[in-house]
Amino acid sequence: MIRNLTNRIIIIVLILALGLWIDLSDKIQLINPINDAVLFEQSITPRLGLDLQGGLQVLLEADLPADAADPGAAEMETARAIIENRTNALGVSENLIQLAGERRIVGEFPGAEDANAILDIIQQTGLLEFVDTGDFRPEEGSVLQTDFATGSSTTTPPSADGTQPQTVYHTIMTGKEIKSVNVSPDPQGGAAIDFVLTPEGTTIFAGHTTANVGKVLAITLDKRVISAPSIQGAIPDGQGQITGNFTAESANALAVQLRYGSLPIPLKVVESRIIGPTLGVDSLRRSLVAGLAGITIVMLFMGIYYRLPGITADISILLFAVILFAIFKLIGVTLTLPGIAGIMLSTGSALDANILVFERLKEELRSGRMLRQAFDQAWSRAWPSIRDSNIAALITAGILFWFGSTFGATIVKGFSLTLAIGVLISLFSSLYITRTLLALALEAFKPKNLERWIGI
């Protein structure tokens, strides 16, 4: 019937024990037994999507003139990566940022508490410029017209009413020359941003500060002045500090922008919506109740109709759930309502495989085969149908995942991912676990009354 049955049972028990340990733990630790030092640690707390715990969803679009060409794929991907890094630095660690078409980006921030902070940090281009304004000291918050050039600058202030031509000041260098940045307290009790320049930036900064002692070097973010200090002396070491009317929060937001670079294209918010946590909790509760009710009904049907094989299939489905949830926690799958639907569908695939085998087992027994022979024939002859149906499901999941990734349909993407993982685990469950448990049950009970035990 099955060779090495004991070995298969041991493997199943070990997998079950490992799955339960992961399911019931919030983190994995690997500790050195000699000195109790932590060698490895990873959080495996379940990750819930926007629709299950609430948060912010925002649709961004390249803010370009109507007659301008669409930005390139490389620029959009760079913008997506920068937004992801910026928001992760704000503590939004389960966010989902992906491209949607040629000029849009979709962002989902589950559990986001400060929507305005997130919108501010992702919407700003984040272009930092060190601008030579000569003897003119612009006010903080004023806007400068700048270009990247070298040479002496004029000192006419920007026009307040727009009727006079505005002076264009030249930029000495931009934020791309900043190597590292940190926030520190300033003497006035506020916050300041300490920065270290790259070797090239150090050379530029040293040369300019040496030649322009007593002049003003304005620092602008997206053309708006944030600080305008006078150059007190040469700065040859490539280290400096940006001071201004910064709070700890605003300084940290600026540091995040500088740390992860400026956006290659400006972005505007096309649509944003906030999903309250109450709605998310209610959705999760309803999903769990519906899933539990469905599984209970199916398990009762399997046990009543297929008798002993059905009971082994029920146990296999429970083990399937343990293993699936453990894998989701390990690889960090974010669970959403569509994702839960994919889990339910993959559970159905596992039951479909068992039903094909059990029906084939009945046919073999009705044709007069002995139980051991019928057992072997049932799995071998049902396998082509099981294989083809699961391959079709995986192909479908792959197409849906591509569609979701290409067009920013996160709902479709979450559904396809959980479906594909569930189908693979369901194959293992039906072909390995169910077969082993049924073989063990038949060996233990040695049923003679097949109508009573198997339902033929």
Protein backbone atom coordinates (compact mmCIF):
# COMPACT_ATOMS: atom_id res chain seq x y z
CA MET A 1 0.00 0.00 0.00
CA ILE A 2 2.68 2.51 1.11
CA ARG A 3 6.26 1.66 1.82
CA ASN A 4 8.06 3.35 4.72
CA LEU A 5 4.75 4.42 6.26
CA THR A 6 6.45 5.10 9.59
CA ASN A 7 8.91 7.51 8.00
CA ARG A 8 6.10 9.41 6.29
CA ILE A 9 4.22 9.72 9.58
CA ILE A 10 7.35 11.08 11.31
CA ILE A 11 7.80 13.68 8.55
CA ILE A 12 4.16 14.77 8.85
CA VAL A 13 4.44 15.07 12.64
CA LEU A 14 7.60 17.16 12.33
CA ILE A 15 6.00 19.45 9.74
CA LEU A 16 2.92 19.82 11.94
CA ALA A 17 5.02 20.64 15.01
CA LEU A 18 7.04 23.23 13.09
CA GLY A 19 3.89 24.74 11.58
CA LEU A 20 2.18 25.05 14.97
CA TRP A 21 5.29 26.61 16.50
CA ILE A 22 5.39 29.25 13.74
CA ASP A 23 1.64 29.84 13.90
CA LEU A 24 1.75 30.46 17.66
CA SER A 25 4.91 32.59 17.66
CA ASP A 26 5.44 36.28 16.94
CA LYS A 27 9.13 36.01 16.09
CA ILE A 28 11.84 33.48 15.26
CA GLN A 29 15.10 33.54 17.17
CA LEU A 30 18.32 31.59 16.65
CA ILE A 31 20.40 31.69 19.82
CA ASN A 32 24.01 30.59 20.30
CA PRO A 33 23.86 27.88 23.01
CA ILE A 34 27.37 28.74 24.20
CA ASN A 35 26.89 32.40 25.14
CA ASP A 36 23.13 32.88 24.61
CA ALA A 37 23.82 35.51 21.93
CA VAL A 38 21.04 36.10 19.42
CA LEU A 39 22.37 35.02 16.02
CA PHE A 40 19.19 35.61 14.04
CA GLU A 41 15.83 37.19 14.75
CA GLN A 42 12.84 37.74 12.48
CA SER A 43 9.36 38.99 13.25
CA ILE A 44 6.60 36.73 11.94
CA THR A 45 3.61 38.69 13.18
CA PRO A 46 0.67 38.21 10.77
CA ARG A 47 0.44 41.04 8.26
CA LEU A 48 -3.05 42.33 7.56
CA GLY A 49 -3.93 44.35 4.49
CA LEU A 50 -5.60 47.70 4.18
CA ASP A 51 -9.10 46.25 4.09
CA LEU A 52 -8.58 44.25 7.30
CA GLN A 53 -6.92 46.78 9.60
CA GLY A 54 -7.69 50.12 7.98
CA GLY A 55 -5.23 52.71 6.71
CA LEU A 56 -4.60 54.96 3.74
CA GLN A 57 -4.86 54.31 0.00
CA VAL A 58 -3.54 56.94 -2.40
CA LEU A 59 -3.31 57.22 -6.18
CA LEU A 60 -0.44 59.38 -7.48
CA GLU A 61 0.10 60.69 -10.99
CA ALA A 62 3.05 62.34 -12.70
CA ASP A 63 2.44 66.09 -12.46
CA LEU A 64 3.54 67.03 -15.97
CA PRO A 65 2.10 69.39 -18.60
CA ALA A 66 -0.74 67.96 -20.67
CA ASP A 67 1.33 68.06 -23.86
CA ALA A 68 4.38 66.46 -22.24
CA ALA A 69 5.39 62.92 -23.08
CA ASP A 70 4.79 60.19 -20.54
CA PRO A 71 7.72 59.68 -18.18
CA GLY A 72 9.93 56.72 -18.89
CA ALA A 73 9.53 53.38 -17.14
CA ALA A 74 12.89 53.87 -15.40
CA GLU A 75 11.83 57.24 -13.95
CA MET A 76 8.54 55.84 -12.68
CA GLU A 77 10.28 52.85 -11.10
CA THR A 78 12.80 55.17 -9.43
CA ALA A 79 9.97 57.31 -8.08
CA ARG A 80 8.19 54.21 -6.79
CA ALA A 81 11.32 52.98 -4.99
CA ILE A 82 11.99 56.39 -3.41
CA ILE A 83 8.40 56.65 -2.14
CA GLU A 84 8.67 53.15 -0.70
CA ASN A 85 11.92 54.01 1.09
CA ARG A 86 10.56 57.33 2.38
CA THR A 87 7.40 55.84 3.83
CA ASN A 88 9.24 52.87 5.32
CA ALA A 89 11.50 55.33 7.11
CA LEU A 90 8.39 56.93 8.60
CA GLY A 91 7.52 53.57 10.20
CA VAL A 92 4.97 52.44 7.60
CA SER A 93 6.64 49.06 7.16
CA GLU A 94 3.84 47.09 5.53
CA ASN A 95 3.12 49.53 2.75
CA LEU A 96 2.55 48.47 -0.82
CA ILE A 97 3.78 50.80 -3.56
CA GLN A 98 3.40 49.73 -7.18
CA LEU A 99 3.13 51.17 -10.65
CA ALA A 100 -0.25 51.51 -12.31
CA GLY A 101 0.06 52.14 -16.02
CA GLU A 102 2.60 54.55 -17.55
CA ARG A 103 2.26 57.56 -15.23
CA ARG A 104 0.50 56.48 -12.05
CA ILE A 105 1.56 54.94 -8.75
CA VAL A 106 -0.75 53.25 -6.24
CA GLY A 107 0.21 53.31 -2.57
CA GLU A 108 -1.44 51.38 0.26
CA PHE A 109 -0.45 52.03 3.87
CA PRO A 110 -2.17 49.60 6.27
CA GLY A 111 -2.44 50.88 9.81
CA ALA A 112 -1.32 54.40 8.86
CA GLU A 113 -2.21 56.81 11.68
CA ASP A 114 -1.02 60.13 10.24
CA ALA A 115 -2.30 60.33 6.67
CA ASN A 116 -1.21 63.96 6.22
CA ALA A 117 2.42 63.16 7.08
CA ILE A 118 2.49 60.36 4.52
CA LEU A 119 0.93 62.51 1.81
CA ASP A 120 3.39 65.33 2.50
CA ILE A 121 6.45 63.11 2.39
CA ILE A 122 5.53 61.32 -0.85
CA GLN A 123 4.21 64.34 -2.71
CA GLN A 124 7.25 66.58 -2.32
CA THR A 125 9.86 66.28 -5.03
CA GLY A 126 12.54 66.66 -2.37
CA LEU A 127 15.07 68.61 -4.49
CA LEU A 128 17.59 70.19 -2.12
CA GLU A 129 19.77 72.96 -3.55
CA PHE A 130 22.62 75.02 -2.15
CA VAL A 131 22.07 78.39 -3.84
CA ASP A 132 24.50 81.32 -4.06
CA THR A 133 22.50 84.50 -3.40
CA GLY A 134 25.52 86.76 -2.89
CA ASP A 135 24.76 89.62 -0.45
CA PHE A 136 20.98 89.05 -0.54
CA ARG A 137 19.47 87.08 2.35
CA PRO A 138 16.06 85.64 1.33
CA GLU A 139 13.42 85.04 3.95
CA GLU A 140 12.65 81.50 5.03
CA GLY A 141 9.71 80.18 3.07
CA SER A 142 10.27 82.44 0.07
CA VAL A 143 10.62 80.92 -3.41
CA LEU A 144 13.79 81.24 -5.48
CA GLN A 145 14.15 80.75 -9.20
CA THR A 146 17.35 78.75 -9.68
CA ASP A 147 19.38 77.01 -12.30
CA PHE A 148 22.47 74.86 -12.09
CA ALA A 149 25.42 77.01 -13.18
CA THR A 150 28.68 78.51 -12.01
CA GLY A 151 29.94 82.08 -11.69
CA SER A 152 28.79 85.14 -9.78
CA SER A 153 25.11 85.65 -9.02
CA THR A 154 22.97 88.76 -9.10
CA THR A 155 21.33 89.99 -5.91
CA THR A 156 17.92 91.24 -6.96
CA PRO A 157 15.22 89.61 -4.76
CA PRO A 158 12.35 87.70 -6.36
CA SER A 159 9.44 89.96 -7.27
CA ALA A 160 6.60 89.89 -4.78
CA ASP A 161 3.83 90.83 -7.19
CA GLY A 162 5.12 89.05 -10.30
CA THR A 163 5.16 92.25 -12.43
CA GLN A 164 8.96 92.57 -12.30
CA PRO A 165 11.28 89.99 -13.82
CA GLN A 166 12.62 87.58 -11.23
CA THR A 167 16.33 87.05 -10.72
CA VAL A 168 17.58 83.57 -11.46
CA TYR A 169 20.12 82.46 -8.86
CA HIS A 170 22.57 79.70 -9.56
CA THR A 171 22.81 76.43 -7.70
CA ILE A 172 26.21 75.44 -6.34
CA MET A 173 25.23 71.79 -5.79
CA THR A 174 22.19 69.65 -5.07
CA GLY A 175 21.23 67.10 -2.48
CA LYS A 176 22.63 64.25 -4.56
CA GLU A 177 26.06 65.22 -3.21
CA ILE A 178 24.96 64.42 0.34
CA LYS A 179 26.43 61.12 1.51
CA SER A 180 24.72 60.78 4.89
CA VAL A 181 22.30 62.81 6.98
CA ASN A 182 21.13 62.76 10.62
CA VAL A 183 18.91 64.81 12.92
CA SER A 184 20.38 66.43 16.02
CA PRO A 185 19.20 69.05 18.56
CA ASP A 186 20.24 72.65 17.97
CA PRO A 187 21.24 75.20 20.67
CA GLN A 188 17.85 76.96 20.50
CA GLY A 189 16.00 73.80 21.57
CA GLY A 190 14.76 72.86 18.10
CA ALA A 191 16.22 70.40 15.63
CA ALA A 192 18.89 70.59 12.94
CA ILE A 193 20.07 68.35 10.12
CA ASP A 194 23.72 67.29 10.09
CA PHE A 195 25.08 66.17 6.73
CA VAL A 196 28.26 64.69 5.29
CA LEU A 197 29.11 65.27 1.61
CA THR A 198 30.51 62.94 -0.99
CA PRO A 199 34.14 63.50 -2.09
CA GLU A 200 32.94 65.45 -5.14
CA GLY A 201 30.54 67.49 -3.01
CA THR A 202 33.31 68.15 -0.48
CA THR A 203 35.50 69.62 -3.22
CA ILE A 204 32.71 71.85 -4.55
CA PHE A 205 31.66 73.00 -1.06
CA ALA A 206 35.22 73.72 0.04
CA GLY A 207 35.96 75.76 -3.06
CA HIS A 208 32.79 77.84 -2.82
CA THR A 209 33.01 78.56 0.91
CA THR A 210 36.68 79.53 0.59
CA ALA A 211 35.95 82.04 -2.17
CA ASN A 212 32.73 83.48 -0.70
CA VAL A 213 33.33 84.16 2.99
CA GLY A 214 30.71 86.63 4.23
CA LYS A 215 28.29 85.85 1.44
CA VAL A 216 24.92 84.13 1.82
CA LEU A 217 24.41 80.49 0.84
CA ALA A 218 20.68 79.77 0.75
CA ILE A 219 19.44 76.21 1.17
CA THR A 220 16.19 75.46 -0.68
CA LEU A 221 13.88 72.49 -0.81
CA ASP A 222 11.77 72.35 -3.97
CA LYS A 223 12.79 76.01 -4.64
CA ARG A 224 11.52 77.18 -1.22
CA VAL A 225 14.10 78.61 1.20
CA ILE A 226 14.50 76.62 4.40
CA SER A 227 17.70 78.26 5.64
CA ALA A 228 19.93 81.18 4.53
CA PRO A 229 23.14 81.28 6.59
CA SER A 230 26.17 83.46 5.95
CA ILE A 231 29.44 81.70 5.15
CA GLN A 232 31.60 82.30 8.24
CA GLY A 233 34.68 80.59 6.87
CA ALA A 234 35.98 77.86 4.59
CA ILE A 235 34.49 74.40 5.17
CA PRO A 236 37.04 71.92 3.81
CA ASP A 237 35.92 68.71 5.56
CA GLY A 238 32.58 68.23 3.75
CA GLN A 239 30.48 68.36 6.93
CA GLY A 240 27.77 70.88 7.66
CA GLN A 241 24.50 71.56 9.42
CA ILE A 242 21.17 72.86 8.15
CA THR A 243 19.39 74.97 10.76
CA GLY A 244 16.05 76.73 10.63
CA ASN A 245 12.66 76.69 12.28
CA PHE A 246 12.62 72.89 12.45
CA THR A 247 10.69 70.76 14.88
CA ALA A 248 11.83 67.20 15.50
CA GLU A 249 9.11 65.95 13.14
CA SER A 250 9.85 68.36 10.28
CA ALA A 251 13.59 67.78 10.61
CA ASN A 252 13.08 64.03 10.46
CA ALA A 253 10.83 64.37 7.39
CA LEU A 254 13.48 66.45 5.63
CA ALA A 255 16.19 63.99 6.61
CA VAL A 256 14.15 61.15 5.13
CA GLN A 257 13.84 63.02 1.83
CA LEU A 258 17.55 63.76 1.71
CA ARG A 259 18.50 60.24 2.72
CA TYR A 260 16.53 58.60 -0.08
CA GLY A 261 16.99 61.18 -2.79
CA SER A 262 14.71 63.45 -4.76
CA LEU A 263 11.93 62.24 -7.00
CA PRO A 264 12.87 62.28 -10.70
CA ILE A 265 9.40 63.65 -11.55
CA PRO A 266 6.85 65.65 -9.54
CA LEU A 267 3.77 63.75 -8.38
CA LYS A 268 0.26 64.87 -7.50
CA VAL A 269 -2.42 63.12 -5.49
CA VAL A 270 -5.27 62.11 -7.79
CA GLU A 271 -7.29 60.27 -5.18
CA SER A 272 -6.90 59.26 -1.55
CA ARG A 273 -9.17 57.50 0.87
CA ILE A 274 -8.91 56.47 4.48
CA ILE A 275 -10.34 53.16 5.65
CA GLY A 276 -11.18 53.20 9.33
CA PRO A 277 -9.92 50.41 11.61
CA THR A 278 -13.47 49.62 12.72
CA LEU A 279 -14.41 48.65 9.17
CA GLY A 280 -11.27 46.54 8.88
CA VAL A 281 -11.92 44.66 12.13
CA ASP A 282 -15.54 44.05 11.15
CA SER A 283 -14.45 42.74 7.73
CA LEU A 284 -11.96 40.39 9.36
CA ARG A 285 -14.53 39.10 11.82
CA ARG A 286 -17.11 38.46 9.13
CA SER A 287 -14.52 36.74 6.93
CA LEU A 288 -13.45 34.42 9.75
CA VAL A 289 -17.05 33.56 10.63
CA ALA A 290 -17.90 32.84 6.99
CA GLY A 291 -14.75 30.78 6.49
CA LEU A 292 -15.32 28.77 9.67
CA ALA A 293 -18.93 28.07 8.74
CA GLY A 294 -17.96 26.98 5.23
CA ILE A 295 -15.16 24.69 6.42
CA THR A 296 -17.41 23.12 9.06
CA ILE A 297 -20.12 22.31 6.51
CA VAL A 298 -17.63 20.85 4.05
CA MET A 299 -15.92 18.75 6.71
CA LEU A 300 -19.27 17.36 7.86
CA PHE A 301 -20.15 16.45 4.29
CA MET A 302 -16.81 14.69 3.74
CA GLY A 303 -17.11 12.72 6.96
CA ILE A 304 -20.74 11.68 6.39
CA TYR A 305 -20.49 10.84 2.68
CA TYR A 306 -17.00 9.32 2.41
CA ARG A 307 -16.80 7.86 5.93
CA LEU A 308 -13.24 6.85 6.88
CA PRO A 309 -11.53 8.42 3.83
CA GLY A 310 -13.55 11.58 4.42
CA ILE A 311 -12.39 11.80 8.04
CA THR A 312 -8.75 11.45 6.97
CA ALA A 313 -9.36 14.20 4.40
CA ASP A 314 -10.80 16.43 7.15
CA ILE A 315 -7.68 15.92 9.26
CA SER A 316 -5.56 16.64 6.20
CA ILE A 317 -7.41 19.92 5.58
CA LEU A 318 -6.72 21.01 9.16
CA LEU A 319 -3.03 20.25 8.68
CA PHE A 320 -3.19 22.12 5.36
CA ALA A 321 -4.47 25.20 7.20
CA VAL A 322 -1.67 24.98 9.78
CA ILE A 323 1.04 24.67 7.12
CA LEU A 324 -0.43 27.37 4.88
CA PHE A 325 -0.69 29.95 7.66
CA ALA A 326 2.88 29.19 8.77
CA ILE A 327 4.19 29.75 5.25
CA PHE A 328 2.26 33.00 4.97
CA LYS A 329 3.86 34.22 8.20
CA LEU A 330 7.35 33.13 7.16
CA ILE A 331 7.39 34.82 3.75
CA GLY A 332 5.43 37.86 4.93
CA VAL A 333 2.29 37.56 2.83
CA THR A 334 -0.09 40.43 3.55
CA LEU A 335 -3.58 39.01 4.10
CA THR A 336 -6.47 40.85 2.49
CA LEU A 337 -10.11 39.97 1.88
CA PRO A 338 -9.35 38.84 -1.70
CA GLY A 339 -6.40 36.90 -0.30
CA ILE A 340 -8.69 35.07 2.11
CA ALA A 341 -10.94 34.27 -0.85
CA GLY A 342 -7.90 32.75 -2.57
CA ILE A 343 -7.23 30.62 0.51
CA MET A 344 -10.81 29.37 0.51
CA LEU A 345 -10.56 28.50 -3.19
CA SER A 346 -7.29 26.63 -2.71
CA THR A 347 -8.92 24.71 0.15
CA GLY A 348 -11.59 23.68 -2.33
CA SER A 349 -8.83 22.49 -4.68
CA ALA A 350 -7.47 20.25 -1.94
CA LEU A 351 -10.91 18.77 -1.36
CA ASP A 352 -11.43 18.32 -5.10
CA ALA A 353 -8.30 16.19 -5.30
CA ASN A 354 -9.46 14.06 -2.38
CA ILE A 355 -12.90 13.62 -3.90
CA LEU A 356 -11.39 12.46 -7.20
CA VAL A 357 -9.30 9.87 -5.35
CA PHE A 358 -12.13 8.67 -3.13
CA GLU A 359 -14.54 8.28 -6.03
CA ARG A 360 -11.90 6.35 -7.92
CA LEU A 361 -11.36 4.18 -4.82
CA LYS A 362 -15.07 3.34 -4.76
CA GLU A 363 -15.04 2.41 -8.43
CA GLU A 364 -12.06 0.12 -7.98
CA LEU A 365 -13.69 -1.59 -5.00
CA ARG A 366 -16.99 -2.01 -6.88
CA SER A 367 -15.12 -3.68 -9.73
CA GLY A 368 -13.97 -6.37 -7.32
CA ARG A 369 -10.42 -5.32 -6.50
CA MET A 370 -8.95 -5.98 -3.09
CA LEU A 371 -8.68 -2.99 -0.78
CA ARG A 372 -4.87 -2.68 -1.00
CA GLN A 373 -4.91 -2.88 -4.80
CA ALA A 374 -7.84 -0.48 -5.08
CA PHE A 375 -6.00 1.98 -2.83
CA ASP A 376 -2.96 2.04 -5.11
CA GLN A 377 -5.00 2.24 -8.30
CA ALA A 378 -7.15 5.10 -6.99
CA TRP A 379 -4.22 7.47 -6.54
CA SER A 380 -2.38 6.51 -9.73
CA ARG A 381 -5.46 6.84 -11.95
CA ALA A 382 -6.75 10.03 -10.33
CA TRP A 383 -3.37 11.73 -10.61
CA PRO A 384 -3.67 12.94 -14.27
CA SER A 385 -6.91 14.77 -13.49
CA ILE A 386 -5.48 16.25 -10.28
CA ARG A 387 -2.32 17.34 -12.08
CA ASP A 388 -4.10 19.01 -14.98
CA SER A 389 -6.60 20.88 -12.82
CA ASN A 390 -3.90 22.23 -10.52
CA ILE A 391 -1.64 23.26 -13.40
CA ALA A 392 -4.58 25.14 -14.89
CA ALA A 393 -5.15 26.86 -11.54
CA LEU A 394 -1.47 27.85 -11.29
CA ILE A 395 -1.45 29.22 -14.84
CA THR A 396 -4.55 31.26 -14.06
CA ALA A 397 -2.97 32.55 -10.84
CA GLY A 398 0.17 33.53 -12.77
CA ILE A 399 -1.84 35.49 -15.34
CA LEU A 400 -3.79 37.26 -12.61
CA PHE A 401 -0.58 38.11 -10.74
CA TRP A 402 0.92 39.61 -13.92
CA PHE A 403 -2.25 41.60 -14.51
CA GLY A 404 -2.27 42.90 -10.93
CA SER A 405 1.42 43.86 -11.07
CA THR A 406 1.14 45.57 -14.46
CA PHE A 407 -1.99 47.61 -13.83
CA GLY A 408 -1.71 48.20 -10.10
CA ALA A 409 -4.69 45.99 -9.22
CA THR A 410 -3.59 45.00 -5.72
CA ILE A 411 -6.83 43.14 -5.07
CA VAL A 412 -6.18 40.81 -8.00
CA LYS A 413 -2.52 40.43 -7.06
CA GLY A 414 -3.28 39.41 -3.47
CA PHE A 415 -5.91 36.94 -4.60
CA SER A 416 -3.60 35.31 -7.17
CA LEU A 417 -0.66 35.03 -4.78
CA THR A 418 -2.58 33.31 -1.99
CA LEU A 419 -4.32 31.08 -4.54
CA ALA A 420 -1.02 29.90 -6.06
CA ILE A 421 0.58 29.17 -2.68
CA GLY A 422 -2.59 27.44 -1.51
CA VAL A 423 -2.77 25.24 -4.60
CA LEU A 424 0.82 24.07 -4.14
CA ILE A 425 0.26 23.26 -0.46
CA SER A 426 -3.05 21.57 -1.27
CA LEU A 427 -1.24 19.24 -3.67
CA PHE A 428 1.13 18.20 -0.91
CA SER A 429 -1.79 17.84 1.47
CA SER A 430 -3.92 15.61 -0.75
CA LEU A 431 -1.15 13.49 -2.31
CA TYR A 432 1.08 13.06 0.73
CA ILE A 433 -0.77 13.75 3.95
CA THR A 434 -4.20 12.35 3.04
CA ARG A 435 -2.70 9.26 1.41
CA THR A 436 -0.49 8.59 4.43
CA LEU A 437 -3.31 9.09 6.95
CA LEU A 438 -5.71 6.90 4.98
CA ALA A 439 -3.12 4.15 4.65
CA LEU A 440 -2.49 4.35 8.40
CA ALA A 441 -6.22 4.19 9.13
CA LEU A 442 -6.76 1.19 6.84
CA GLU A 443 -3.81 -0.61 8.41
CA ALA A 444 -5.10 0.12 11.90
CA PHE A 445 -8.79 -0.72 11.42
CA LYS A 446 -8.58 -3.30 8.60
CA PRO A 447 -12.21 -2.69 7.62
CA LYS A 448 -14.24 -5.61 6.34
CA ASN A 449 -17.62 -3.90 5.93
CA LEU A 450 -16.70 -1.54 3.09
CA GLU A 451 -20.20 -0.06 2.89
CA ARG A 452 -19.96 1.06 6.48
CA TRP A 453 -16.35 2.24 6.43
CA ILE A 454 -16.02 3.65 2.91
CA GLY A 455 -19.60 4.17 1.82
CA ILE A 456 -19.71 2.04 -1.35
